[in-house]
Protein backbone atom coordinates (compact mmCIF):
# COMPACT_ATOMS: atom_id res chain seq x y z
CA MET A 1 214.13 190.34 -132.18
CA TYR A 2 213.47 189.00 -128.68
CA GLU A 3 209.88 187.92 -128.13
CA ILE A 4 208.00 188.82 -124.99
CA VAL A 5 206.29 185.59 -123.96
CA LYS A 6 204.51 186.85 -120.85
CA ALA A 7 203.96 190.35 -119.46
CA HIS A 8 201.85 191.54 -116.57
CA PRO A 9 201.87 194.03 -113.68
CA LEU A 10 203.04 192.91 -110.24
CA SER A 11 201.64 196.04 -108.62
CA GLU A 12 200.34 199.39 -109.77
CA ALA A 13 203.83 200.55 -110.77
CA VAL A 14 205.96 197.41 -111.07
CA PHE A 15 205.84 195.19 -114.15
CA GLU A 16 207.23 191.78 -115.05
CA MET A 17 207.98 190.24 -118.40
CA TRP A 18 209.39 186.93 -119.56
CA ILE A 19 211.51 187.27 -122.71
CA ARG A 20 212.77 184.55 -125.00
CA ALA A 21 216.55 184.98 -124.93
CA PRO A 22 218.12 181.50 -125.00
CA GLN A 23 221.79 182.47 -124.83
CA VAL A 24 221.20 184.86 -121.93
CA ALA A 25 219.03 182.36 -120.04
CA ARG A 26 221.53 179.56 -120.56
CA ASN A 27 224.40 181.49 -118.95
CA ALA A 28 222.70 183.80 -116.43
CA GLN A 29 223.57 183.56 -112.74
CA ALA A 30 222.09 185.25 -109.67
CA GLY A 31 223.13 188.88 -109.38
CA GLN A 32 223.77 189.48 -113.06
CA PHE A 33 221.90 191.84 -115.36
CA CYS A 34 221.23 192.49 -119.01
CA ILE A 35 220.78 195.59 -121.11
CA ILE A 36 217.68 195.86 -123.24
CA HIS A 37 217.03 198.05 -126.24
CA PRO A 38 213.28 198.26 -126.91
CA ASP A 39 213.53 199.74 -130.41
CA LYS A 40 215.96 201.57 -132.65
CA ALA A 41 214.95 204.95 -131.26
CA GLY A 42 214.95 204.02 -127.57
CA GLU A 43 217.62 204.14 -124.90
CA ARG A 44 219.59 201.21 -123.52
CA VAL A 45 218.26 200.17 -120.10
CA PRO A 46 220.05 197.88 -117.60
CA LEU A 47 217.73 195.50 -115.75
CA THR A 48 218.65 192.78 -113.28
CA ILE A 49 217.80 189.26 -114.38
CA SER A 50 215.25 188.22 -111.78
CA GLY A 51 214.65 184.67 -112.96
CA THR A 52 215.17 182.11 -115.71
CA ASP A 53 213.05 179.29 -117.07
CA GLY A 54 214.40 177.29 -119.99
CA ASP A 55 215.00 179.76 -122.82
CA LEU A 56 213.25 182.57 -120.96
CA ILE A 57 214.55 185.31 -118.68
CA ARG A 58 212.44 187.34 -116.31
CA LEU A 59 212.89 191.10 -116.08
CA SER A 60 211.05 193.27 -113.57
CA PHE A 61 210.98 197.05 -113.53
CA MET A 62 209.14 200.13 -112.26
CA ALA A 63 207.51 202.29 -114.91
CA VAL A 64 208.94 205.69 -114.03
CA GLY A 65 210.81 206.94 -117.10
CA THR A 66 210.21 207.16 -120.83
CA THR A 67 211.60 203.75 -121.72
CA THR A 68 210.21 201.83 -118.74
CA LYS A 69 206.77 203.28 -119.45
CA LEU A 70 207.15 202.14 -123.04
CA LEU A 71 208.07 198.66 -121.78
CA ALA A 72 205.02 198.62 -119.53
CA SER A 73 202.81 199.17 -122.58
CA LEU A 74 204.08 196.03 -124.31
CA SER A 75 202.28 192.70 -124.25
CA ALA A 76 202.95 189.04 -124.97
CA GLY A 77 203.80 188.64 -128.64
CA ASP A 78 205.61 191.97 -128.88
CA CYS A 79 209.37 192.01 -129.34
CA LEU A 80 212.41 193.88 -128.06
CA ARG A 81 215.12 194.90 -130.48
CA ASP A 82 218.09 193.78 -128.35
CA VAL A 83 218.80 191.89 -125.15
CA VAL A 84 222.48 191.82 -124.17
CA GLY A 85 223.79 189.70 -121.35
CA PRO A 86 224.35 188.24 -118.92
CA LEU A 87 226.52 191.13 -117.72
CA GLY A 88 228.28 191.84 -114.46
CA MET A 89 229.65 189.53 -111.78
CA PRO A 90 227.40 186.89 -110.22
CA SER A 91 226.49 186.90 -106.52
CA ASP A 92 229.13 185.56 -104.13
CA ILE A 93 227.13 182.55 -103.00
CA ALA A 94 229.08 179.90 -101.07
CA GLN A 95 228.25 176.28 -100.61
CA GLY A 96 226.46 175.85 -97.29
CA PRO A 97 225.83 175.47 -94.60
CA GLU A 98 225.66 179.22 -94.08
CA THR A 99 222.85 181.41 -92.85
CA VAL A 100 222.13 184.17 -95.36
CA VAL A 101 219.60 186.96 -95.33
CA VAL A 102 218.14 188.37 -98.55
CA VAL A 103 216.48 191.76 -98.11
CA GLY A 104 214.38 193.48 -100.76
CA GLY A 105 212.62 196.82 -100.68
CA GLY A 106 210.08 198.12 -103.22
CA VAL A 107 210.89 197.06 -106.79
CA GLY A 108 214.11 195.54 -105.42
CA VAL A 109 212.02 192.63 -104.11
CA ALA A 110 211.77 191.43 -107.72
CA CYS A 111 215.48 190.57 -107.67
CA THR A 112 215.44 188.61 -104.42
CA PRO A 113 214.02 185.23 -105.53
CA ILE A 114 216.87 184.37 -107.86
CA ILE A 115 219.45 185.05 -105.16
CA ALA A 116 217.45 183.29 -102.48
CA GLN A 117 216.99 180.27 -104.71
CA ALA A 118 220.68 180.10 -105.61
CA ALA A 119 221.61 180.31 -101.92
CA LYS A 120 219.06 177.65 -101.06
CA ASP A 121 220.31 175.34 -103.83
CA ALA A 122 223.83 175.73 -102.45
CA GLY A 123 222.70 174.27 -99.12
CA ASN A 124 222.29 177.46 -97.15
CA HIS A 125 219.64 178.47 -94.62
CA VAL A 126 217.85 181.39 -96.24
CA ILE A 127 216.04 184.14 -94.38
CA GLY A 128 214.03 186.54 -96.55
CA ILE A 129 212.91 190.04 -95.65
CA ILE A 130 210.72 191.93 -98.12
CA GLY A 131 209.08 195.30 -97.69
CA ALA A 132 206.97 197.90 -99.44
CA ARG A 133 205.26 201.19 -98.64
CA ASN A 134 201.89 199.43 -98.32
CA LYS A 135 200.22 196.09 -99.02
CA SER A 136 199.15 196.99 -102.55
CA LEU A 137 202.79 197.56 -103.56
CA LEU A 138 204.13 194.33 -102.09
CA ILE A 139 205.31 191.84 -104.72
CA LEU A 140 206.40 188.20 -104.97
CA GLU A 141 205.54 187.26 -101.40
CA ASP A 142 204.32 183.79 -102.33
CA GLU A 143 207.42 183.06 -104.41
CA MET A 144 209.77 184.16 -101.63
CA ARG A 145 207.80 182.24 -99.03
CA ALA A 146 208.16 179.05 -101.09
CA ILE A 147 211.95 179.50 -101.35
CA CYS A 148 212.99 180.84 -97.92
CA ASP A 149 213.27 178.92 -94.70
CA GLU A 150 212.00 182.00 -92.92
CA LEU A 151 210.29 185.10 -94.35
CA PHE A 152 209.54 188.47 -92.76
CA VAL A 153 207.21 190.92 -94.51
CA THR A 154 207.05 194.62 -93.69
CA THR A 155 205.01 197.59 -94.81
CA ASP A 156 205.82 201.21 -93.99
CA ASP A 157 202.22 201.98 -93.02
CA GLY A 158 201.51 198.70 -91.24
CA SER A 159 198.78 197.72 -93.69
CA TYR A 160 200.27 194.21 -93.85
CA GLY A 161 202.90 192.25 -91.99
CA ILE A 162 205.28 194.05 -89.65
CA LYS A 163 204.88 197.81 -89.49
CA GLY A 164 208.06 199.60 -90.43
CA PHE A 165 210.96 199.24 -92.79
CA ALA A 166 212.73 196.11 -93.99
CA SER A 167 215.67 197.09 -91.82
CA GLY A 168 213.57 196.39 -88.71
CA PRO A 169 213.56 192.56 -88.79
CA LEU A 170 217.23 192.59 -89.78
CA GLN A 171 218.05 194.73 -86.76
CA THR A 172 216.11 192.35 -84.52
CA LEU A 173 217.93 189.30 -85.88
CA CYS A 174 221.30 190.95 -85.32
CA GLU A 175 220.51 192.20 -81.83
CA ASN A 176 219.18 188.77 -80.82
CA GLY A 177 222.55 187.26 -81.62
CA ARG A 178 221.34 185.27 -84.61
CA LYS A 179 224.28 183.79 -86.53
CA ILE A 180 224.29 185.41 -89.96
CA ASP A 181 227.07 184.82 -92.45
CA LYS A 182 226.02 187.07 -95.36
CA VAL A 183 223.36 189.59 -96.22
CA TRP A 184 222.13 190.81 -99.60
CA ILE A 185 220.17 194.06 -99.81
CA ILE A 186 218.42 195.22 -102.97
CA GLY A 187 216.27 198.29 -103.30
CA PRO A 188 216.38 202.09 -103.65
CA GLY A 189 219.72 203.70 -102.87
CA MET A 190 218.66 205.27 -99.59
CA MET A 191 217.03 202.03 -98.44
CA MET A 192 220.23 200.10 -99.13
CA LYS A 193 222.32 202.72 -97.33
CA VAL A 194 220.16 202.67 -94.21
CA THR A 195 219.68 198.89 -94.12
CA SER A 196 223.36 198.12 -94.62
CA GLY A 197 224.10 200.37 -91.65
CA VAL A 198 222.31 197.81 -89.48
CA THR A 199 224.83 195.06 -90.17
CA LYS A 200 228.01 197.17 -90.00
CA PRO A 201 228.39 197.17 -86.17
CA PHE A 202 228.07 193.39 -86.21
CA GLY A 203 230.73 192.85 -88.85
CA ILE A 204 228.40 190.89 -91.14
CA LYS A 205 229.45 190.64 -94.78
CA THR A 206 226.82 192.63 -96.64
CA TYR A 207 226.29 193.05 -100.37
CA VAL A 208 224.23 195.65 -102.22
CA SER A 209 223.34 195.74 -105.90
CA LEU A 210 224.12 199.23 -107.17
CA ASN A 211 222.19 200.91 -109.95
CA PRO A 212 223.99 204.06 -111.17
CA VAL A 213 223.35 205.47 -114.63
CA MET A 214 224.69 202.96 -117.16
CA VAL A 215 225.09 203.10 -120.95
CA ASP A 216 227.11 200.34 -122.58
CA GLY A 217 227.49 197.81 -119.76
CA THR A 218 231.03 196.79 -120.73
CA GLY A 219 233.15 199.31 -118.85
CA MET A 220 233.84 201.48 -121.89
CA CYS A 221 231.76 204.60 -121.19
CA GLY A 222 232.51 205.05 -117.49
CA SER A 223 229.06 206.45 -116.73
CA CYS A 224 228.36 203.82 -114.06
CA ARG A 225 231.44 204.58 -111.95
CA VAL A 226 230.99 204.31 -108.21
CA THR A 227 233.36 204.80 -105.28
CA VAL A 228 233.92 201.68 -103.22
CA GLY A 229 236.64 201.47 -100.57
CA GLY A 230 237.99 204.81 -101.72
CA LYS A 231 238.57 203.50 -105.26
CA MET A 232 236.66 204.06 -108.46
CA LYS A 233 234.81 201.00 -109.70
CA PHE A 234 232.49 200.37 -112.66
CA ALA A 235 229.18 198.86 -111.60
CA CYS A 236 228.79 197.10 -114.94
CA VAL A 237 232.01 195.03 -114.83
CA ASP A 238 233.18 195.19 -111.21
CA GLY A 239 229.66 194.79 -109.84
CA PRO A 240 226.78 195.30 -109.78
CA GLU A 241 227.15 193.84 -106.26
CA PHE A 242 229.59 195.48 -103.87
CA ASP A 243 230.53 195.40 -100.20
CA ALA A 244 227.86 197.66 -98.72
CA HIS A 245 230.14 198.90 -95.95
CA GLN A 246 232.68 200.19 -98.47
CA VAL A 247 230.28 202.09 -100.74
CA ASP A 248 230.44 205.89 -100.81
CA TRP A 249 226.68 206.36 -100.53
CA ASP A 250 226.69 210.15 -100.84
CA ASP A 251 228.53 209.88 -104.15
CA LEU A 252 226.15 207.19 -105.45
CA LEU A 253 222.99 209.04 -104.47
CA ALA A 254 224.30 212.26 -106.04
CA ARG A 255 225.08 210.46 -109.31
CA GLN A 256 221.60 208.91 -109.38
CA ARG A 257 220.10 212.42 -109.28
CA MET A 258 222.31 213.88 -112.04
CA TYR A 259 219.82 213.49 -114.88
CA VAL A 260 216.51 213.91 -113.08
CA PRO A 261 215.65 217.14 -115.00
CA GLU A 262 216.40 215.49 -118.35
CA GLU A 263 214.40 212.38 -117.40
CA LYS A 264 211.44 214.57 -116.46
CA GLN A 265 211.72 216.47 -119.74
CA SER A 266 211.79 213.20 -121.70
CA VAL A 267 208.63 211.89 -120.01
CA GLU A 268 206.81 215.18 -120.55
CA TYR A 269 207.80 215.20 -124.23
CA ARG A 270 206.58 211.64 -124.78
CA GLU A 271 203.29 212.37 -123.08
CA ALA A 272 202.81 215.51 -125.15
CA HIS A 273 203.74 213.77 -128.41
CA HIS A 274 202.12 210.39 -127.98
CA GLU A 275 203.82 208.02 -130.36
CA CYS A 276 202.27 205.16 -132.28
CA ARG A 277 202.73 201.78 -130.57
CA CYS A 278 204.20 200.41 -133.83
CA ARG A 279 207.40 202.25 -132.86
CA LYS A 280 208.08 199.51 -130.33
CA VAL A 281 209.09 197.01 -133.00
CA ALA A 282 210.66 199.41 -135.50
């Protein structure tokens, strides 16, 4: 069992938990993920490792499906059945001095501090850009502000920071001739597609963290296959980070929608057959 040491909401839909997983925490690097198994009856869910502290790892997620809603109901002192990781390839962070930009949108902001901190520790100048639909959904601003040399905050509705999308400040930096060596973009698929299109004309190396449907996390099942540079890749072992300008975005977005009806059916069933909370540690 893996004990949840801390758990709390970051916004109305995004939750954070710190889990005691010494072996994972000891070996985790920026960009990697783990697969959690809440209980013997639940599904396996891949979540990016968004931070480490001693024997603890931080996982952040949006409560949208059956399992993530179950996770959101757990508290400190509860336990997860399995935590497997770290999995995937770490971020391609070079020793500085380089200027790097880390862009996060929505729940993707939760994964930006660990990359920003790793880049900063490597001697790089770090520019952060984080965005959300509105101020109430914005997360981890203070943490990113403490890490980054510069930070831009955007909201779609203009309720806080710069009005518009996270791609806006990135576009301005590029058009103003700012020297940028690498960019990381983490967020919903469409947000990553649009934002990575900003850097393509400027030839800036840009990485995105892809999140296709994943089952085993070791390259055996093939469910997380994506098309990058015209070749099939597995997000779990070849990624999860890939060259944004080589990703077949139409293929990725289509694969992310494959099981929407089943996911909806699962949520509706759970809500109609409310299960005892003791199931979480069965």
